[in-house]
Amino acid sequence: MNAALAVIGATFAVALLLGIRARSGRQMNLAEWAVGGRRFGAILVFLLLVGEIYTTFTFLGASGWAYGRGAPAFYILCYGAVAYIMSYWLAPAIWRYARDHDLVSQPDFFVQKYRSRALGTLVALVGVVALIPYLVLQLKGLGIIVSEASFGAVSPTMAIWIGVAGVVGYVMISGIHGSAWTAVIKDILILGVAIFLGLYLPAKLHGGFGPMFARIEAAAPGFLTLPARGQSASWFASTVLLTALGFYLWPHTFGSIYSAKSGDAFRKNAVVMPLYQLVMLFVFFVGFAAKLAVPGLEGTDADLALLRVSVATFDPWLVGLIGAAGVLTALVPGSMILMAAGTIVAKNVWRSGRSPADPAVARLAKLLVPVVAAVALWFTLRGGDSIVALLLMGYSLVTQLAPALLFSLLPRNPLTATGAIAGLLAGVATVAAVTLGGSNFATLMPWAPSAIQDLNVGFAALLINVTVAWLVSLGTGSRGPDYS
């Protein structure tokens, strides 16, 4: 066993031990397992949200896009900051309603707001379908990180199997408590690793930030600016808006809002987390530093940039520490995704309408965790798109929940349950048709100006969603339910 693999293995073992011991002294009913009994304070909420937001996407996808795409990668920096600002008002309103109505899953919110189990079931299905590519993203990242950081001692497939087995075990035992305490180690490690790499590599490999960017511009003119077509300014703006709206609509992130003991926890975090988003800059710097240091990574191989430059630069023990941080960026969000998916299927699909206090629902939610993991594992081992592409596909789906959510928070909701269902179906159908057909605005409207052709197709689906929801609501009632 080399030094890198030993460090990764030890960190993985400590994370699993923490995750399992987090259950100690607690009776794991569904509310305790899924939302921590609504007792998490501001610091634990911060660690939990950061734990599920800063994932393998941050570790590999952001650096890979900086390496392979250049300036378009900066959309990642923007949408998080916008979403955190929105959360100052959005998250406390969701938390308060969930507390008052004893909600434990994302679909519960829509069922209660619209008095429609049909809408709740549809939201559940959309959420689970969107979570699968997000979980695949984590598993793909886990395999890449362990294989590369261990200098090939462990294959990506073996790493994925071991990681899935470990995370399924502690999720079934400890639920959200295990995820929260594992996130403590993960956040400390990823913060230290990202800042160190982002400062050290540009200085070591290029003599500083200025010389690094000058060399990149000389080698690839225009790489550091948005292109005139494709991922242009209109793509950038529409993608930032789409992903910011969908940021808290991932079922596991939405459910994490329920875990706080007060709405002030989110207001405090909304002040701090836009600053924490600056950590992403250091990840970009790693990708830029690798651009000329380890050339030739094309397509999905660009996701390897951070690890390849680390392996070429550092001693094995330090590469192991970097790999250990990356492993935790997969385990923490992966655990939250598994828990959210199990809860949603058990509570809102299989046993729709049952009380969260029903022990049978809690048992079923836990038993579904390995089932969801197996489905994601199947898709992961089949291969697929790059890490960022997987995330953007999931975002296009979950953002279709935004109209029904935002309108439901108004004093007078203009949408009916039927309108919300119709809009959601129209938006999801648009995303599915475009994604499966490999289309975009450029192919659908070749006659349109480039600013229109470059719009994110998920953004167009959102506009169709709102239009259909509004029109159907006008035809099915003068106003939607108002149960706030």
Protein backbone atom coordinates (compact mmCIF):
# COMPACT_ATOMS: atom_id res chain seq x y z
CA MET A 1 0.00 0.00 0.00
CA ASN A 2 1.47 3.39 -0.99
CA ALA A 3 1.36 6.44 1.27
CA ALA A 4 -1.41 8.14 -0.71
CA LEU A 5 -3.74 5.16 -0.44
CA ALA A 6 -3.02 4.84 3.28
CA VAL A 7 -4.04 8.48 3.90
CA ILE A 8 -7.21 8.08 1.82
CA GLY A 9 -8.13 4.83 3.57
CA ALA A 10 -7.58 6.26 7.04
CA THR A 11 -9.70 9.34 6.28
CA PHE A 12 -12.47 7.17 4.84
CA ALA A 13 -12.44 4.97 7.97
CA VAL A 14 -12.62 7.97 10.31
CA ALA A 15 -15.51 9.45 8.31
CA LEU A 16 -17.46 6.19 8.48
CA LEU A 17 -16.80 5.87 12.22
CA LEU A 18 -18.05 9.41 12.82
CA GLY A 19 -21.10 8.77 10.66
CA ILE A 20 -22.04 5.61 12.55
CA ARG A 21 -21.39 7.04 16.03
CA ALA A 22 -23.55 10.08 15.25
CA ARG A 23 -26.61 7.94 16.00
CA SER A 24 -25.56 7.40 19.64
CA GLY A 25 -28.41 7.90 22.12
CA ARG A 26 -31.06 8.76 19.51
CA GLN A 27 -34.28 7.00 18.59
CA MET A 28 -34.25 7.07 14.79
CA ASN A 29 -37.85 7.77 13.80
CA LEU A 30 -38.36 9.39 10.40
CA ALA A 31 -38.18 12.99 11.69
CA GLU A 32 -34.96 12.28 13.59
CA TRP A 33 -33.42 10.31 10.74
CA ALA A 34 -34.35 12.71 7.92
CA VAL A 35 -34.37 16.19 9.51
CA GLY A 36 -32.47 15.76 12.77
CA GLY A 37 -35.48 16.46 14.94
CA ARG A 38 -35.33 20.12 13.74
CA ARG A 39 -32.62 20.92 16.31
CA PHE A 40 -29.57 22.00 14.26
CA GLY A 41 -28.12 25.41 15.09
CA ALA A 42 -26.57 27.94 12.70
CA ILE A 43 -23.10 26.38 12.70
CA LEU A 44 -24.30 22.82 12.08
CA VAL A 45 -26.71 24.04 9.38
CA PHE A 46 -23.79 25.88 7.75
CA LEU A 47 -21.61 22.77 7.80
CA LEU A 48 -24.44 20.61 6.48
CA LEU A 49 -25.33 22.96 3.61
CA VAL A 50 -21.70 23.50 2.67
CA GLY A 51 -21.19 19.75 2.92
CA GLU A 52 -23.82 19.08 0.27
CA ILE A 53 -23.08 22.14 -1.88
CA TYR A 54 -19.29 21.78 -2.15
CA THR A 55 -19.15 18.38 -3.79
CA THR A 56 -17.03 16.51 -6.35
CA PHE A 57 -18.46 19.10 -8.73
CA THR A 58 -16.48 21.73 -6.83
CA PHE A 59 -13.41 19.56 -6.56
CA LEU A 60 -13.23 18.16 -10.09
CA GLY A 61 -15.90 19.79 -12.24
CA ALA A 62 -15.01 23.42 -11.50
CA SER A 63 -11.29 22.87 -12.02
CA GLY A 64 -12.05 20.75 -15.11
CA TRP A 65 -14.14 23.49 -16.68
CA ALA A 66 -11.50 26.13 -15.89
CA TYR A 67 -8.98 23.82 -17.60
CA GLY A 68 -11.13 22.93 -20.61
CA ARG A 69 -13.49 25.88 -21.10
CA GLY A 70 -11.90 28.92 -19.53
CA ALA A 71 -14.10 31.93 -18.76
CA PRO A 72 -17.51 30.13 -18.95
CA ALA A 73 -16.51 28.31 -15.74
CA PHE A 74 -17.06 31.53 -13.81
CA TYR A 75 -20.81 30.95 -13.96
CA ILE A 76 -20.20 28.56 -11.04
CA LEU A 77 -18.87 31.42 -8.94
CA CYS A 78 -21.87 33.63 -9.72
CA TYR A 79 -24.88 31.37 -9.28
CA GLY A 80 -23.95 30.25 -5.77
CA ALA A 81 -23.59 33.83 -4.55
CA VAL A 82 -26.97 34.78 -6.06
CA ALA A 83 -28.63 31.72 -4.48
CA TYR A 84 -27.21 32.50 -1.03
CA ILE A 85 -28.62 36.02 -1.20
CA MET A 86 -32.04 34.63 -2.17
CA SER A 87 -31.89 32.20 0.75
CA TYR A 88 -32.03 35.09 3.24
CA TRP A 89 -35.75 35.39 2.48
CA LEU A 90 -36.56 32.02 0.93
CA ALA A 91 -35.13 29.53 3.44
CA PRO A 92 -36.76 30.97 6.62
CA ALA A 93 -40.18 30.97 4.92
CA ILE A 94 -39.80 27.32 3.90
CA TRP A 95 -38.48 26.35 7.35
CA ARG A 96 -41.33 28.09 9.18
CA TYR A 97 -44.00 26.41 7.07
CA ALA A 98 -42.33 23.00 7.45
CA ARG A 99 -42.16 23.38 11.23
CA ASP A 100 -45.76 24.47 11.54
CA HIS A 101 -47.00 21.53 9.46
CA ASP A 102 -44.53 18.85 10.59
CA LEU A 103 -43.09 18.26 7.11
CA VAL A 104 -40.17 15.85 6.54
CA SER A 105 -39.68 15.82 2.74
CA GLN A 106 -39.75 18.26 -0.15
CA PRO A 107 -42.97 16.87 -1.71
CA ASP A 108 -44.72 17.31 1.67
CA PHE A 109 -44.39 21.07 1.18
CA PHE A 110 -46.23 21.03 -2.15
CA VAL A 111 -48.88 18.59 -0.90
CA GLN A 112 -49.67 20.90 2.02
CA LYS A 113 -49.52 24.16 0.06
CA TYR A 114 -51.73 22.98 -2.79
CA ARG A 115 -53.76 20.32 -0.93
CA SER A 116 -52.87 17.90 -3.73
CA ARG A 117 -51.31 14.47 -3.27
CA ALA A 118 -51.09 14.19 -7.06
CA LEU A 119 -48.81 17.24 -7.16
CA GLY A 120 -46.79 15.80 -4.28
CA THR A 121 -46.29 12.51 -6.12
CA LEU A 122 -45.24 14.34 -9.28
CA VAL A 123 -42.77 16.50 -7.32
CA ALA A 124 -41.41 13.32 -5.71
CA LEU A 125 -40.85 11.63 -9.07
CA VAL A 126 -39.19 14.69 -10.58
CA GLY A 127 -36.97 15.04 -7.53
CA VAL A 128 -35.83 11.42 -7.54
CA VAL A 129 -35.19 11.46 -11.30
CA ALA A 130 -33.08 14.62 -10.89
CA LEU A 131 -31.19 13.15 -7.93
CA ILE A 132 -29.97 10.13 -9.88
CA PRO A 133 -27.60 12.10 -12.18
CA TYR A 134 -26.47 14.13 -9.15
CA LEU A 135 -25.64 10.92 -7.28
CA VAL A 136 -23.97 9.52 -10.39
CA LEU A 137 -21.87 12.69 -10.43
CA GLN A 138 -20.67 11.99 -6.88
CA LEU A 139 -19.89 8.34 -7.63
CA LYS A 140 -18.04 9.16 -10.86
CA GLY A 141 -16.02 11.72 -8.94
CA LEU A 142 -15.29 9.26 -6.15
CA GLY A 143 -13.92 6.70 -8.60
CA ILE A 144 -11.77 9.27 -10.39
CA ILE A 145 -10.36 10.72 -7.17
CA VAL A 146 -9.39 7.45 -5.51
CA SER A 147 -7.92 5.93 -8.66
CA GLU A 148 -5.86 8.99 -9.58
CA ALA A 149 -4.78 9.92 -6.05
CA SER A 150 -3.77 6.33 -5.23
CA PHE A 151 -1.51 6.28 -8.32
CA GLY A 152 -3.70 3.58 -9.85
CA ALA A 153 -3.51 1.22 -6.86
CA VAL A 154 -7.33 1.12 -6.71
CA SER A 155 -9.47 1.04 -9.85
CA PRO A 156 -12.34 3.54 -10.22
CA THR A 157 -14.86 0.68 -10.16
CA MET A 158 -13.51 -0.81 -6.93
CA ALA A 159 -13.40 2.64 -5.30
CA ILE A 160 -17.03 3.26 -6.23
CA TRP A 161 -18.16 -0.10 -4.82
CA ILE A 162 -16.33 0.45 -1.53
CA GLY A 163 -17.59 4.03 -1.23
CA VAL A 164 -21.20 3.05 -1.92
CA ALA A 165 -21.09 0.22 0.62
CA GLY A 166 -19.71 2.50 3.32
CA VAL A 167 -22.05 5.42 2.77
CA VAL A 168 -25.15 3.19 2.51
CA GLY A 169 -24.23 1.66 5.86
CA TYR A 170 -23.90 4.87 7.83
CA VAL A 171 -26.90 6.52 6.14
CA MET A 172 -29.16 3.63 7.14
CA ILE A 173 -27.84 3.77 10.71
CA SER A 174 -27.46 7.49 11.46
CA GLY A 175 -29.34 9.45 8.79
CA ILE A 176 -28.76 13.18 8.67
CA HIS A 177 -26.74 13.16 11.91
CA GLY A 178 -24.05 11.06 10.25
CA SER A 179 -23.95 13.38 7.24
CA ALA A 180 -23.64 16.47 9.45
CA TRP A 181 -20.72 15.18 11.51
CA THR A 182 -18.89 13.78 8.49
CA ALA A 183 -19.32 17.23 6.93
CA VAL A 184 -17.23 18.75 9.73
CA ILE A 185 -14.11 16.85 8.60
CA LYS A 186 -14.92 17.38 4.95
CA ASP A 187 -15.32 21.16 5.20
CA ILE A 188 -12.05 21.62 7.10
CA LEU A 189 -10.13 19.47 4.62
CA ILE A 190 -11.60 20.93 1.43
CA LEU A 191 -11.09 24.51 2.63
CA GLY A 192 -7.43 23.88 3.42
CA VAL A 193 -6.73 21.88 0.27
CA ALA A 194 -8.47 24.30 -2.12
CA ILE A 195 -6.74 27.41 -0.76
CA PHE A 196 -3.33 25.71 -0.62
CA LEU A 197 -3.52 24.38 -4.17
CA GLY A 198 -4.96 27.62 -5.56
CA LEU A 199 -2.11 29.66 -4.11
CA TYR A 200 0.78 27.20 -4.45
CA LEU A 201 0.36 25.80 -7.96
CA PRO A 202 0.21 29.13 -9.87
CA ALA A 203 3.30 30.32 -7.98
CA LYS A 204 5.21 27.04 -8.35
CA LEU A 205 4.38 26.28 -11.97
CA HIS A 206 4.10 29.76 -13.48
CA GLY A 207 5.71 32.24 -11.10
CA GLY A 208 2.42 33.81 -9.97
CA PHE A 209 -1.08 34.66 -11.16
CA GLY A 210 -0.06 37.38 -13.63
CA PRO A 211 2.47 35.24 -15.50
CA MET A 212 0.06 32.29 -15.46
CA PHE A 213 -2.74 34.20 -17.14
CA ALA A 214 -0.32 35.84 -19.57
CA ARG A 215 0.99 32.43 -20.65
CA ILE A 216 -2.55 31.06 -21.07
CA GLU A 217 -3.61 34.03 -23.18
CA ALA A 218 -0.52 33.69 -25.35
CA ALA A 219 -1.09 29.96 -25.87
CA ALA A 220 -4.88 30.19 -26.33
CA PRO A 221 -6.04 33.73 -27.21
CA GLY A 222 -9.55 34.48 -25.96
CA PHE A 223 -9.60 31.52 -23.57
CA LEU A 224 -10.12 33.83 -20.60
CA THR A 225 -13.10 35.68 -22.10
CA LEU A 226 -16.61 34.53 -22.97
CA PRO A 227 -16.90 33.40 -26.61
CA ALA A 228 -19.09 35.32 -29.03
CA ARG A 229 -21.19 32.21 -29.71
CA GLY A 230 -22.01 29.06 -27.75
CA GLN A 231 -21.23 29.70 -24.10
CA SER A 232 -21.64 33.41 -24.66
CA ALA A 233 -22.99 36.15 -22.39
CA SER A 234 -26.62 35.08 -22.96
CA TRP A 235 -25.74 31.46 -22.09
CA PHE A 236 -23.88 32.70 -19.03
CA ALA A 237 -26.73 34.89 -17.74
CA SER A 238 -29.49 32.33 -18.39
CA THR A 239 -27.44 29.54 -16.80
CA VAL A 240 -26.69 31.63 -13.71
CA LEU A 241 -30.40 32.44 -13.32
CA LEU A 242 -31.47 28.83 -13.90
CA THR A 243 -29.02 27.34 -11.42
CA ALA A 244 -29.57 30.03 -8.79
CA LEU A 245 -33.32 29.36 -8.86
CA GLY A 246 -32.72 25.64 -8.59
CA PHE A 247 -30.00 25.83 -5.95
CA TYR A 248 -32.24 25.09 -2.95
CA LEU A 249 -34.71 22.99 -4.94
CA TRP A 250 -32.63 19.83 -4.87
CA PRO A 251 -34.66 17.52 -2.63
CA HIS A 252 -31.76 16.88 -0.24
CA THR A 253 -30.94 20.60 0.09
CA PHE A 254 -34.61 21.53 0.47
CA GLY A 255 -35.00 18.87 3.17
CA SER A 256 -31.91 20.17 4.99
CA ILE A 257 -33.74 23.46 5.53
CA TYR A 258 -36.16 21.57 7.77
CA SER A 259 -33.36 20.53 10.13
CA ALA A 260 -32.71 23.98 11.64
CA LYS A 261 -34.06 24.98 15.03
CA SER A 262 -34.79 28.56 13.94
CA GLY A 263 -35.13 30.68 10.81
CA ASP A 264 -32.30 32.94 11.99
CA ALA A 265 -29.83 30.14 11.20
CA PHE A 266 -30.39 30.78 7.49
CA ARG A 267 -30.18 34.56 7.75
CA LYS A 268 -26.81 34.26 9.49
CA ASN A 269 -25.58 31.82 6.88
CA ALA A 270 -26.83 34.01 4.01
CA VAL A 271 -24.45 36.73 5.22
CA VAL A 272 -21.41 34.42 5.37
CA MET A 273 -21.87 31.93 2.55
CA PRO A 274 -21.42 34.35 -0.41
CA LEU A 275 -17.93 35.00 1.01
CA TYR A 276 -17.32 31.26 1.30
CA GLN A 277 -18.13 31.04 -2.41
CA LEU A 278 -14.78 32.73 -3.02
CA VAL A 279 -13.18 29.37 -2.19
CA MET A 280 -14.28 28.41 -5.70
CA LEU A 281 -11.77 30.89 -7.12
CA PHE A 282 -8.90 28.84 -5.75
CA VAL A 283 -10.29 25.75 -7.48
CA PHE A 284 -10.39 27.71 -10.75
CA PHE A 285 -6.77 28.74 -10.23
CA VAL A 286 -5.84 25.05 -10.00
CA GLY A 287 -7.52 24.36 -13.33
CA PHE A 288 -5.80 27.31 -14.96
CA ALA A 289 -2.43 26.28 -13.50
CA ALA A 290 -2.89 22.78 -14.93
CA LYS A 291 -3.79 24.09 -18.40
CA LEU A 292 -0.18 24.33 -19.55
CA ALA A 293 1.42 22.05 -16.94
CA VAL A 294 -0.52 18.89 -17.94
CA PRO A 295 -1.78 19.61 -21.47
CA GLY A 296 -3.83 17.29 -23.63
CA LEU A 297 -6.81 16.46 -21.38
CA GLU A 298 -9.76 16.52 -23.75
CA GLY A 299 -13.51 16.08 -23.20
CA THR A 300 -14.45 14.39 -19.94
CA ASP A 301 -10.73 13.87 -19.16
CA ALA A 302 -10.60 17.57 -18.26
CA ASP A 303 -12.18 16.54 -14.94
CA LEU A 304 -8.80 14.94 -14.13
CA ALA A 305 -6.91 18.24 -14.27
CA LEU A 306 -6.69 18.88 -10.51
CA LEU A 307 -5.53 15.36 -9.71
CA ARG A 308 -3.12 15.04 -12.62
CA VAL A 309 -1.31 18.28 -11.75
CA SER A 310 -1.24 17.27 -8.06
CA VAL A 311 0.27 13.85 -8.83
CA ALA A 312 2.88 15.51 -11.04
CA THR A 313 3.81 18.08 -8.38
CA PHE A 314 3.54 16.64 -4.86
CA ASP A 315 4.80 13.75 -2.74
CA PRO A 316 2.44 10.75 -2.39
CA TRP A 317 1.36 11.56 1.19
CA LEU A 318 0.21 15.03 0.15
CA VAL A 319 -1.54 13.64 -2.92
CA GLY A 320 -3.29 11.26 -0.51
CA LEU A 321 -4.47 14.18 1.62
CA ILE A 322 -5.82 15.92 -1.48
CA GLY A 323 -7.53 12.69 -2.52
CA ALA A 324 -8.99 12.25 0.98
CA ALA A 325 -10.60 15.70 0.79
CA GLY A 326 -12.02 14.76 -2.60
CA VAL A 327 -13.44 11.49 -1.29
CA LEU A 328 -15.36 13.35 1.40
CA THR A 329 -16.77 15.75 -1.21
CA ALA A 330 -18.46 12.67 -2.67
CA LEU A 331 -19.51 10.92 0.55
CA VAL A 332 -21.27 13.81 2.32
CA PRO A 333 -23.59 14.93 -0.51
CA GLY A 334 -23.98 11.30 -1.58
CA SER A 335 -25.29 10.40 1.86
CA MET A 336 -27.76 13.30 1.81
CA ILE A 337 -28.99 12.33 -1.66
CA LEU A 338 -29.56 8.71 -0.64
CA MET A 339 -31.44 9.75 2.49
CA ALA A 340 -33.61 12.27 0.65
CA ALA A 341 -34.45 9.82 -2.13
CA GLY A 342 -35.35 7.05 0.32
CA THR A 343 -37.55 9.41 2.35
CA ILE A 344 -39.34 10.77 -0.71
CA VAL A 345 -40.11 7.38 -2.25
CA ALA A 346 -41.27 5.91 1.07
CA LYS A 347 -43.27 8.92 2.28
CA ASN A 348 -44.63 10.42 -0.94
CA VAL A 349 -44.80 7.62 -3.50
CA TRP A 350 -45.04 4.16 -1.93
CA ARG A 351 -46.96 5.09 1.21
CA SER A 352 -48.40 8.44 0.17
CA GLY A 353 -50.49 10.08 2.83
CA ARG A 354 -49.02 8.16 5.79
CA SER A 355 -47.97 10.10 8.89
CA PRO A 356 -44.21 10.68 9.32
CA ALA A 357 -44.64 9.16 12.79
CA ASP A 358 -45.60 5.80 11.23
CA PRO A 359 -42.68 3.41 11.98
CA ALA A 360 -43.36 1.52 8.75
CA VAL A 361 -42.54 4.62 6.70
CA ALA A 362 -39.23 5.09 8.50
CA ARG A 363 -38.29 1.45 7.99
CA LEU A 364 -39.16 1.61 4.30
CA ALA A 365 -37.16 4.83 3.81
CA LYS A 366 -34.06 3.17 5.24
CA LEU A 367 -34.55 -0.01 3.21
CA LEU A 368 -34.84 2.04 0.02
CA VAL A 369 -31.39 3.59 0.50
CA PRO A 370 -29.49 0.60 -0.97
CA VAL A 371 -32.05 0.36 -3.78
CA VAL A 372 -31.44 3.97 -4.85
CA ALA A 373 -27.69 3.41 -4.50
CA ALA A 374 -27.89 0.35 -6.78
CA VAL A 375 -29.74 2.30 -9.48
CA ALA A 376 -27.16 5.11 -9.38
CA LEU A 377 -24.35 2.56 -9.37
CA TRP A 378 -25.72 0.98 -12.55
CA PHE A 379 -25.77 4.33 -14.38
CA THR A 380 -22.33 5.23 -13.03
CA LEU A 381 -20.67 2.07 -14.29
CA ARG A 382 -22.17 2.58 -17.74
CA GLY A 383 -20.08 5.76 -18.16
CA GLY A 384 -21.49 9.03 -19.44
CA ASP A 385 -21.11 12.77 -19.59
CA SER A 386 -18.69 15.08 -17.85
CA ILE A 387 -19.32 16.07 -14.25
CA VAL A 388 -20.59 19.57 -15.10
CA ALA A 389 -22.89 18.23 -17.83
CA LEU A 390 -24.50 15.83 -15.34
CA LEU A 391 -25.09 18.64 -12.87
CA LEU A 392 -26.61 20.97 -15.45
CA MET A 393 -29.03 18.23 -16.57
CA GLY A 394 -30.21 17.74 -12.99
CA TYR A 395 -30.56 21.49 -12.49
CA SER A 396 -32.78 21.78 -15.56
CA LEU A 397 -35.17 19.32 -13.91
CA VAL A 398 -35.29 20.58 -10.31
CA THR A 399 -35.64 24.20 -11.40
CA GLN A 400 -39.01 23.30 -12.89
CA LEU A 401 -40.27 23.22 -9.27
CA ALA A 402 -39.47 26.92 -8.85
CA PRO A 403 -42.74 28.45 -10.18
CA ALA A 404 -45.00 26.32 -7.95
CA LEU A 405 -42.77 27.04 -4.94
CA LEU A 406 -42.33 30.80 -5.40
CA PHE A 407 -45.99 31.46 -6.23
CA SER A 408 -47.06 29.44 -3.18
CA LEU A 409 -45.15 31.85 -0.92
CA LEU A 410 -47.18 34.85 -2.09
CA PRO A 411 -50.05 36.09 0.09
CA ARG A 412 -52.43 35.17 -2.76
CA ASN A 413 -51.19 32.26 -4.85
CA PRO A 414 -52.28 32.71 -8.50
CA LEU A 415 -51.72 29.03 -9.31
CA THR A 416 -54.15 26.20 -8.78
CA ALA A 417 -52.99 22.66 -8.09
CA THR A 418 -54.00 21.69 -11.63
CA GLY A 419 -52.06 24.63 -13.05
CA ALA A 420 -48.97 23.77 -11.02
CA ILE A 421 -49.13 20.15 -12.23
CA ALA A 422 -49.59 21.19 -15.87
CA GLY A 423 -46.72 23.68 -15.72
CA LEU A 424 -44.38 21.19 -14.08
CA LEU A 425 -45.23 18.50 -16.65
CA ALA A 426 -44.68 20.95 -19.52
CA GLY A 427 -41.32 22.07 -18.15
CA VAL A 428 -40.06 18.56 -17.46
CA ALA A 429 -41.27 17.32 -20.86
CA THR A 430 -39.37 20.16 -22.54
CA VAL A 431 -36.17 19.30 -20.65
CA ALA A 432 -36.56 15.61 -21.49
CA ALA A 433 -37.26 16.20 -25.18
CA VAL A 434 -34.35 18.56 -25.63
CA THR A 435 -31.89 16.50 -23.55
CA LEU A 436 -32.74 13.14 -25.11
CA GLY A 437 -32.82 14.65 -28.59
CA GLY A 438 -29.48 16.39 -28.13
CA SER A 439 -31.03 19.68 -29.24
CA ASN A 440 -30.47 23.28 -28.23
CA PHE A 441 -31.74 26.66 -29.33
CA ALA A 442 -29.21 26.77 -32.16
CA THR A 443 -30.67 23.61 -33.73
CA LEU A 444 -34.29 24.42 -32.90
CA MET A 445 -34.13 28.03 -34.13
CA PRO A 446 -31.30 28.37 -36.64
CA TRP A 447 -32.83 31.62 -37.88
CA ALA A 448 -32.67 33.34 -34.44
CA PRO A 449 -29.91 35.72 -33.39
CA SER A 450 -27.01 34.18 -31.48
CA ALA A 451 -28.15 35.71 -28.19
CA ILE A 452 -31.31 33.59 -28.42
CA GLN A 453 -29.59 30.49 -29.78
CA ASP A 454 -27.16 30.44 -26.85
CA LEU A 455 -29.80 30.53 -24.09
CA ASN A 456 -29.76 27.60 -21.67
CA VAL A 457 -32.52 25.18 -22.71
CA GLY A 458 -33.49 24.67 -19.06
CA PHE A 459 -34.28 28.38 -18.91
CA ALA A 460 -36.61 28.02 -21.89
CA ALA A 461 -38.32 25.07 -20.20
CA LEU A 462 -38.85 27.26 -17.15
CA LEU A 463 -40.57 29.94 -19.26
CA ILE A 464 -42.84 27.31 -20.82
CA ASN A 465 -43.59 25.97 -17.33
CA VAL A 466 -44.69 29.38 -16.02
CA THR A 467 -46.80 30.13 -19.10
CA VAL A 468 -48.65 26.80 -19.01
CA ALA A 469 -49.16 26.95 -15.23
CA TRP A 470 -50.62 30.45 -15.46
CA LEU A 471 -52.96 29.69 -18.36
CA VAL A 472 -54.24 26.43 -16.87
CA SER A 473 -54.79 28.15 -13.52
CA LEU A 474 -56.87 30.82 -15.22
CA GLY A 475 -59.04 28.09 -16.70
CA THR A 476 -59.39 26.02 -13.51
CA GLY A 477 -60.01 28.70 -10.89
CA SER A 478 -59.64 32.35 -10.13
CA ARG A 479 -56.86 31.70 -7.61
CA GLY A 480 -54.89 28.86 -6.16
CA PRO A 481 -55.07 27.53 -2.61
CA ASP A 482 -53.90 29.80 0.16
CA TYR A 483 -53.07 27.74 3.22
CA SER A 484 -50.16 29.73 4.61
